[in-house]
Structures are given as structure tokens and as C-alpha cells.
Amino acid sequence: MAPVCEATPDAEITLPDHEHSARRARTFLSEAYCTIHHARVLDEAQLLVSELVTNAVRHGGPPVRVRVHCDGSAGLQVSVSDGDPRPPVRRDAAPEAEGGRGVALVDILSDRWGVERADCGKTVWFVLS
């Protein structure tokens, strides 16, 4: 198991199933991320957590949880859980479309990402370094 960051403990928040939850997730991330190990990835992390929380609210359902983890390296892991066990689907959004790019952005911008299923939902996570 990777060492846990001594500077920043893991943090988690449960968000309401509401359209403003993505904004709250970005704020939470800016307060919870590790300034020692991955300060340079905050902007990308906020974009990706916003996309995943929006997907969780629109398609997944409650409970919506965001977890931030620093293992003491240059990597930041962010997880978003929701109440639907179905994995997210990457779509090819038309240029004029207002949505449909969340999973594609996670795939393109993160160093790695994945989905873990559970009986009562799923967790989509990404790592930025």
C-alpha cells in the first residue's frame, strides 16, 4: 500500500443531488487538496471533478460523494461516487453540443482513471500528477 501523505489527510464530502453540487465539489477540492505534492494540478482536478459530479447528479443519483487522496507523491487521486452501478459512457459530442464531453475530458486530461462498481453504486476516479 502506498504511504499516506503526512501533510494532507484524505477528505470526503457528501453532496446533495443538486445542480450546484459541481460548484461545491470544486470549492471542496480547493480546500482539501495537498499543496505540497500536487499544487500544479488543481485547475485540471477542479475541471474533472466538476464533470464527474455533474454526471453523478444527472445520471447517477444519490448519494454523491467526492473523496480526495494524496499518497505522498506527485499524484492526486479524486473519486466521485454515486448511487447507480452503471459505468459512465464516453460519447462523441457534436461541436455545438452543450454537454457530453465529461468522460472524454477525464480520459484525455488524467494520467489514469477507472470505475469501481459496488452493490449500491459506483465510484469513478482519476489521478493527476
N, C-alpha and C. Protein backbone atom coordinates (compact mmCIF):
# COMPACT_ATOMS: atom_id res chain seq x y z
N MET A 1 0.84 -1.18 0.00
CA MET A 1 0.00 0.00 0.00
C MET A 1 0.89 1.25 0.00
N ALA A 2 0.51 2.23 -0.77
CA ALA A 2 1.28 3.46 -0.88
C ALA A 2 1.21 4.24 0.43
N PRO A 3 2.30 4.94 0.78
CA PRO A 3 2.27 5.72 2.01
C PRO A 3 1.26 6.85 1.90
N VAL A 4 0.60 7.13 3.00
CA VAL A 4 -0.36 8.23 3.04
C VAL A 4 0.41 9.52 3.29
N CYS A 5 -0.02 10.57 2.66
CA CYS A 5 0.62 11.87 2.81
C CYS A 5 0.54 12.33 4.26
N GLU A 6 1.67 12.71 4.82
CA GLU A 6 1.69 13.20 6.20
C GLU A 6 1.23 14.65 6.31
N ALA A 7 1.20 15.36 5.18
CA ALA A 7 0.81 16.77 5.20
C ALA A 7 -0.70 16.96 5.05
N THR A 8 -1.34 16.08 4.31
CA THR A 8 -2.76 16.27 3.99
C THR A 8 -3.52 14.96 4.15
N PRO A 9 -4.45 14.89 5.09
CA PRO A 9 -5.24 13.67 5.25
C PRO A 9 -6.28 13.54 4.14
N ASP A 10 -6.77 12.32 3.94
CA ASP A 10 -7.86 12.12 3.00
C ASP A 10 -9.05 12.96 3.43
N ALA A 11 -9.82 13.41 2.47
CA ALA A 11 -11.01 14.21 2.76
C ALA A 11 -12.16 13.71 1.91
N GLU A 12 -13.37 13.78 2.45
CA GLU A 12 -14.56 13.32 1.74
C GLU A 12 -15.73 14.23 2.06
N ILE A 13 -16.60 14.40 1.09
CA ILE A 13 -17.81 15.19 1.28
C ILE A 13 -18.97 14.48 0.57
N THR A 14 -20.14 14.53 1.16
CA THR A 14 -21.36 14.05 0.52
C THR A 14 -22.11 15.29 0.05
N LEU A 15 -22.49 15.26 -1.22
CA LEU A 15 -23.13 16.41 -1.84
C LEU A 15 -24.60 16.14 -2.10
N PRO A 16 -25.42 17.18 -2.11
CA PRO A 16 -26.83 16.98 -2.45
C PRO A 16 -26.97 16.68 -3.94
N ASP A 17 -28.03 16.03 -4.28
CA ASP A 17 -28.35 15.72 -5.68
C ASP A 17 -28.95 16.99 -6.30
N HIS A 18 -28.05 17.94 -6.60
CA HIS A 18 -28.49 19.28 -7.00
C HIS A 18 -27.55 19.86 -8.04
N GLU A 19 -28.05 20.72 -8.88
CA GLU A 19 -27.26 21.30 -9.97
C GLU A 19 -26.07 22.12 -9.48
N HIS A 20 -26.10 22.63 -8.26
CA HIS A 20 -24.99 23.42 -7.73
C HIS A 20 -23.92 22.57 -7.06
N SER A 21 -24.08 21.25 -7.06
CA SER A 21 -23.12 20.38 -6.39
C SER A 21 -21.75 20.41 -7.06
N ALA A 22 -21.69 20.61 -8.37
CA ALA A 22 -20.40 20.67 -9.06
C ALA A 22 -19.58 21.86 -8.54
N ARG A 23 -20.22 22.98 -8.32
CA ARG A 23 -19.52 24.16 -7.78
C ARG A 23 -19.02 23.86 -6.37
N ARG A 24 -19.86 23.22 -5.56
CA ARG A 24 -19.44 22.86 -4.20
C ARG A 24 -18.27 21.88 -4.22
N ALA A 25 -18.27 20.95 -5.18
CA ALA A 25 -17.16 19.99 -5.31
C ALA A 25 -15.86 20.70 -5.65
N ARG A 26 -15.91 21.70 -6.53
CA ARG A 26 -14.70 22.46 -6.87
C ARG A 26 -14.16 23.20 -5.66
N THR A 27 -15.06 23.80 -4.88
CA THR A 27 -14.64 24.51 -3.67
C THR A 27 -14.03 23.54 -2.67
N PHE A 28 -14.69 22.41 -2.46
CA PHE A 28 -14.18 21.38 -1.55
C PHE A 28 -12.78 20.94 -1.97
N LEU A 29 -12.60 20.72 -3.26
CA LEU A 29 -11.30 20.28 -3.76
C LEU A 29 -10.23 21.33 -3.50
N SER A 30 -10.56 22.59 -3.70
CA SER A 30 -9.56 23.65 -3.47
C SER A 30 -9.19 23.75 -1.99
N GLU A 31 -10.08 23.33 -1.10
CA GLU A 31 -9.79 23.36 0.33
C GLU A 31 -9.10 22.09 0.81
N ALA A 32 -9.26 20.97 0.09
CA ALA A 32 -8.79 19.67 0.57
C ALA A 32 -7.54 19.13 -0.12
N TYR A 33 -7.15 19.68 -1.26
CA TYR A 33 -6.03 19.11 -1.99
C TYR A 33 -4.71 19.40 -1.28
N CYS A 34 -3.69 18.63 -1.59
CA CYS A 34 -2.39 18.76 -0.94
C CYS A 34 -1.55 19.82 -1.66
N THR A 35 -1.25 20.90 -0.95
CA THR A 35 -0.48 21.98 -1.56
C THR A 35 0.99 21.63 -1.72
N ILE A 36 1.46 20.63 -1.00
CA ILE A 36 2.88 20.24 -1.07
C ILE A 36 3.16 19.37 -2.29
N HIS A 37 2.30 18.39 -2.54
CA HIS A 37 2.60 17.40 -3.56
C HIS A 37 1.98 17.64 -4.94
N HIS A 38 0.90 18.35 -5.01
CA HIS A 38 0.29 18.50 -6.34
C HIS A 38 -0.46 19.81 -6.52
N ALA A 39 0.14 20.89 -6.14
CA ALA A 39 -0.48 22.21 -6.31
C ALA A 39 -0.67 22.55 -7.78
N ARG A 40 0.19 22.04 -8.65
CA ARG A 40 0.12 22.43 -10.07
C ARG A 40 -1.04 21.78 -10.82
N VAL A 41 -1.73 20.80 -10.26
CA VAL A 41 -2.80 20.12 -10.98
C VAL A 41 -4.19 20.53 -10.50
N LEU A 42 -4.29 21.53 -9.65
CA LEU A 42 -5.59 21.91 -9.09
C LEU A 42 -6.59 22.32 -10.16
N ASP A 43 -6.20 23.13 -11.13
CA ASP A 43 -7.14 23.57 -12.16
C ASP A 43 -7.74 22.40 -12.93
N GLU A 44 -6.88 21.47 -13.35
CA GLU A 44 -7.36 20.30 -14.08
C GLU A 44 -8.26 19.43 -13.19
N ALA A 45 -7.87 19.28 -11.93
CA ALA A 45 -8.66 18.47 -11.00
C ALA A 45 -10.04 19.08 -10.79
N GLN A 46 -10.11 20.40 -10.67
CA GLN A 46 -11.41 21.06 -10.49
C GLN A 46 -12.29 20.88 -11.72
N LEU A 47 -11.72 20.97 -12.90
CA LEU A 47 -12.49 20.74 -14.12
C LEU A 47 -13.05 19.31 -14.14
N LEU A 48 -12.19 18.33 -13.86
CA LEU A 48 -12.61 16.94 -13.95
C LEU A 48 -13.60 16.58 -12.84
N VAL A 49 -13.40 17.06 -11.63
CA VAL A 49 -14.36 16.75 -10.57
C VAL A 49 -15.71 17.38 -10.87
N SER A 50 -15.70 18.56 -11.48
CA SER A 50 -16.94 19.21 -11.88
C SER A 50 -17.70 18.36 -12.89
N GLU A 51 -16.98 17.84 -13.88
CA GLU A 51 -17.61 16.98 -14.90
C GLU A 51 -18.19 15.71 -14.27
N LEU A 52 -17.41 15.07 -13.39
CA LEU A 52 -17.88 13.82 -12.79
C LEU A 52 -19.05 14.03 -11.84
N VAL A 53 -19.03 15.11 -11.07
CA VAL A 53 -20.15 15.39 -10.17
C VAL A 53 -21.40 15.73 -10.98
N THR A 54 -21.25 16.49 -12.04
CA THR A 54 -22.40 16.79 -12.90
C THR A 54 -23.00 15.51 -13.45
N ASN A 55 -22.15 14.59 -13.92
CA ASN A 55 -22.64 13.30 -14.41
C ASN A 55 -23.34 12.52 -13.31
N ALA A 56 -22.76 12.53 -12.11
CA ALA A 56 -23.35 11.80 -10.99
C ALA A 56 -24.74 12.33 -10.64
N VAL A 57 -24.88 13.65 -10.65
CA VAL A 57 -26.17 14.27 -10.34
C VAL A 57 -27.18 13.99 -11.45
N ARG A 58 -26.77 14.13 -12.69
CA ARG A 58 -27.69 13.96 -13.83
C ARG A 58 -28.05 12.51 -14.11
N HIS A 59 -27.08 11.61 -13.98
CA HIS A 59 -27.29 10.24 -14.43
C HIS A 59 -27.17 9.19 -13.33
N GLY A 60 -26.53 9.52 -12.22
CA GLY A 60 -26.24 8.50 -11.22
C GLY A 60 -27.18 8.48 -10.03
N GLY A 61 -27.43 9.62 -9.47
CA GLY A 61 -28.30 9.69 -8.31
C GLY A 61 -27.57 9.60 -6.99
N PRO A 62 -28.29 9.91 -5.92
CA PRO A 62 -27.69 9.95 -4.60
C PRO A 62 -27.34 8.56 -4.08
N PRO A 63 -26.43 8.50 -3.13
CA PRO A 63 -25.63 9.61 -2.60
C PRO A 63 -24.47 9.94 -3.53
N VAL A 64 -24.14 11.22 -3.64
CA VAL A 64 -23.00 11.68 -4.43
C VAL A 64 -21.90 12.06 -3.44
N ARG A 65 -20.76 11.39 -3.57
CA ARG A 65 -19.64 11.64 -2.66
C ARG A 65 -18.39 11.96 -3.46
N VAL A 66 -17.58 12.88 -2.94
CA VAL A 66 -16.28 13.22 -3.53
C VAL A 66 -15.23 12.92 -2.46
N ARG A 67 -14.17 12.24 -2.89
CA ARG A 67 -13.07 11.90 -1.98
C ARG A 67 -11.76 12.35 -2.62
N VAL A 68 -10.88 12.94 -1.82
CA VAL A 68 -9.57 13.40 -2.27
C VAL A 68 -8.52 12.62 -1.49
N HIS A 69 -7.52 12.12 -2.22
CA HIS A 69 -6.47 11.31 -1.60
C HIS A 69 -5.11 11.73 -2.14
N CYS A 70 -4.16 11.93 -1.25
CA CYS A 70 -2.77 12.17 -1.62
C CYS A 70 -1.94 11.06 -1.01
N ASP A 71 -1.15 10.38 -1.82
CA ASP A 71 -0.34 9.27 -1.31
C ASP A 71 1.08 9.69 -0.95
N GLY A 72 1.34 10.99 -0.93
CA GLY A 72 2.67 11.47 -0.58
C GLY A 72 3.58 11.63 -1.78
N SER A 73 3.07 11.41 -2.96
CA SER A 73 3.87 11.59 -4.18
C SER A 73 3.32 12.79 -4.94
N ALA A 74 3.63 12.86 -6.19
CA ALA A 74 3.13 13.96 -7.01
C ALA A 74 1.72 13.71 -7.52
N GLY A 75 1.10 12.61 -7.11
CA GLY A 75 -0.22 12.25 -7.64
C GLY A 75 -1.37 12.64 -6.74
N LEU A 76 -2.40 13.14 -7.34
CA LEU A 76 -3.65 13.48 -6.66
C LEU A 76 -4.71 12.52 -7.17
N GLN A 77 -5.40 11.82 -6.27
CA GLN A 77 -6.50 10.96 -6.68
C GLN A 77 -7.79 11.55 -6.19
N VAL A 78 -8.74 11.69 -7.10
CA VAL A 78 -10.07 12.19 -6.77
C VAL A 78 -11.07 11.13 -7.20
N SER A 79 -12.03 10.84 -6.32
CA SER A 79 -13.05 9.84 -6.60
C SER A 79 -14.42 10.48 -6.45
N VAL A 80 -15.34 10.12 -7.35
CA VAL A 80 -16.72 10.57 -7.26
C VAL A 80 -17.60 9.33 -7.28
N SER A 81 -18.40 9.16 -6.24
CA SER A 81 -19.29 8.01 -6.13
C SER A 81 -20.73 8.47 -6.28
N ASP A 82 -21.56 7.59 -6.84
CA ASP A 82 -22.99 7.86 -6.91
C ASP A 82 -23.76 6.56 -6.73
N GLY A 83 -25.08 6.64 -6.75
CA GLY A 83 -25.93 5.51 -6.44
C GLY A 83 -26.31 4.61 -7.59
N ASP A 84 -25.75 4.79 -8.77
CA ASP A 84 -26.09 3.96 -9.93
C ASP A 84 -24.89 3.09 -10.29
N PRO A 85 -25.05 1.76 -10.35
CA PRO A 85 -23.91 0.90 -10.66
C PRO A 85 -23.46 0.92 -12.12
N ARG A 86 -24.26 1.50 -13.01
CA ARG A 86 -23.87 1.52 -14.42
C ARG A 86 -22.67 2.43 -14.65
N PRO A 87 -21.67 1.96 -15.41
CA PRO A 87 -20.48 2.79 -15.66
C PRO A 87 -20.81 3.96 -16.58
N PRO A 88 -20.02 5.02 -16.49
CA PRO A 88 -20.23 6.15 -17.39
C PRO A 88 -19.90 5.74 -18.82
N VAL A 89 -20.51 6.43 -19.76
CA VAL A 89 -20.32 6.13 -21.18
C VAL A 89 -19.67 7.33 -21.85
N ARG A 90 -18.58 7.06 -22.54
CA ARG A 90 -17.93 8.13 -23.31
C ARG A 90 -18.73 8.35 -24.59
N ARG A 91 -19.11 9.60 -24.83
CA ARG A 91 -19.88 9.94 -26.02
C ARG A 91 -19.04 10.82 -26.94
N ASP A 92 -19.37 10.77 -28.20
CA ASP A 92 -18.77 11.68 -29.17
C ASP A 92 -19.74 12.84 -29.35
N ALA A 93 -19.47 13.93 -28.65
CA ALA A 93 -20.36 15.08 -28.68
C ALA A 93 -20.10 15.91 -29.93
N ALA A 94 -21.17 16.39 -30.51
CA ALA A 94 -21.07 17.29 -31.66
C ALA A 94 -20.45 18.60 -31.20
N PRO A 95 -19.75 19.30 -32.09
CA PRO A 95 -19.09 20.56 -31.70
C PRO A 95 -20.04 21.58 -31.08
N GLU A 96 -21.30 21.61 -31.51
CA GLU A 96 -22.25 22.58 -30.98
C GLU A 96 -22.98 22.09 -29.73
N ALA A 97 -22.76 20.85 -29.33
CA ALA A 97 -23.43 20.30 -28.16
C ALA A 97 -22.95 20.98 -26.88
N GLU A 98 -23.87 21.18 -25.94
CA GLU A 98 -23.53 21.82 -24.67
C GLU A 98 -23.03 20.84 -23.63
N GLY A 99 -23.13 19.57 -23.89
CA GLY A 99 -22.69 18.56 -22.92
C GLY A 99 -22.18 17.33 -23.63
N GLY A 100 -21.90 16.30 -22.85
CA GLY A 100 -21.48 15.03 -23.42
C GLY A 100 -19.98 14.84 -23.53
N ARG A 101 -19.19 15.72 -22.90
CA ARG A 101 -17.73 15.61 -23.02
C ARG A 101 -17.02 15.21 -21.73
N GLY A 102 -17.77 14.99 -20.65
CA GLY A 102 -17.18 14.76 -19.35
C GLY A 102 -16.23 13.57 -19.30
N VAL A 103 -16.68 12.41 -19.74
CA VAL A 103 -15.83 11.22 -19.69
C VAL A 103 -14.65 11.37 -20.64
N ALA A 104 -14.86 11.98 -21.78
CA ALA A 104 -13.76 12.20 -22.72
C ALA A 104 -12.70 13.11 -22.10
N LEU A 105 -13.12 14.15 -21.39
CA LEU A 105 -12.15 15.03 -20.73
C LEU A 105 -11.36 14.29 -19.66
N VAL A 106 -12.04 13.45 -18.88
CA VAL A 106 -11.34 12.67 -17.87
C VAL A 106 -10.31 11.76 -18.53
N ASP A 107 -10.69 11.14 -19.63
CA ASP A 107 -9.80 10.23 -20.34
C ASP A 107 -8.58 10.97 -20.91
N ILE A 108 -8.80 12.15 -21.43
CA ILE A 108 -7.72 12.91 -22.08
C ILE A 108 -6.80 13.58 -21.07
N LEU A 109 -7.35 14.19 -20.03
CA LEU A 109 -6.57 15.01 -19.12
C LEU A 109 -5.92 14.26 -17.96
N SER A 110 -6.52 13.16 -17.53
CA SER A 110 -5.96 12.46 -16.38
C SER A 110 -4.83 11.53 -16.80
N ASP A 111 -3.96 11.21 -15.83
CA ASP A 111 -2.89 10.25 -16.09
C ASP A 111 -3.45 8.83 -16.14
N ARG A 112 -4.45 8.58 -15.33
CA ARG A 112 -5.17 7.31 -15.38
C ARG A 112 -6.51 7.53 -14.68
N TRP A 113 -7.47 6.66 -15.01
CA TRP A 113 -8.78 6.76 -14.40
C TRP A 113 -9.46 5.40 -14.49
N GLY A 114 -10.52 5.24 -13.75
CA GLY A 114 -11.22 3.98 -13.79
C GLY A 114 -12.56 4.06 -13.08
N VAL A 115 -13.24 2.91 -13.09
CA VAL A 115 -14.56 2.80 -12.47
C VAL A 115 -14.55 1.56 -11.58
N GLU A 116 -15.05 1.70 -10.39
CA GLU A 116 -15.21 0.57 -9.48
C GLU A 116 -16.69 0.44 -9.16
N ARG A 117 -17.25 -0.73 -9.44
CA ARG A 117 -18.66 -0.97 -9.16
C ARG A 117 -18.86 -1.47 -7.74
N ALA A 118 -20.01 -1.16 -7.21
CA ALA A 118 -20.41 -1.65 -5.89
C ALA A 118 -21.89 -2.04 -5.98
N ASP A 119 -22.37 -2.74 -4.99
CA ASP A 119 -23.78 -3.15 -4.99
C ASP A 119 -24.72 -1.96 -5.02
N CYS A 120 -24.31 -0.90 -4.38
CA CYS A 120 -25.19 0.27 -4.26
C CYS A 120 -24.71 1.46 -5.10
N GLY A 121 -23.93 1.22 -6.13
CA GLY A 121 -23.50 2.32 -6.98
C GLY A 121 -22.15 2.06 -7.60
N LYS A 122 -21.44 3.14 -7.87
CA LYS A 122 -20.11 3.05 -8.49
C LYS A 122 -19.26 4.22 -8.02
N THR A 123 -17.96 4.08 -8.24
CA THR A 123 -17.01 5.16 -7.99
C THR A 123 -16.18 5.35 -9.24
N VAL A 124 -16.15 6.56 -9.74
CA VAL A 124 -15.29 6.92 -10.87
C VAL A 124 -14.15 7.73 -10.28
N TRP A 125 -12.93 7.34 -10.59
CA TRP A 125 -11.76 8.01 -10.02
C TRP A 125 -10.80 8.42 -11.13
N PHE A 126 -9.98 9.40 -10.80
CA PHE A 126 -8.90 9.81 -11.71
C PHE A 126 -7.70 10.22 -10.89
N VAL A 127 -6.53 10.14 -11.55
CA VAL A 127 -5.27 10.55 -10.94
C VAL A 127 -4.62 11.57 -11.86
N LEU A 128 -4.13 12.63 -11.25
CA LEU A 128 -3.35 13.66 -11.94
C LEU A 128 -2.01 13.78 -11.24
N SER A 129 -0.96 13.90 -12.02
CA SER A 129 0.36 14.09 -11.40
C SER A 129 1.11 15.21 -12.08
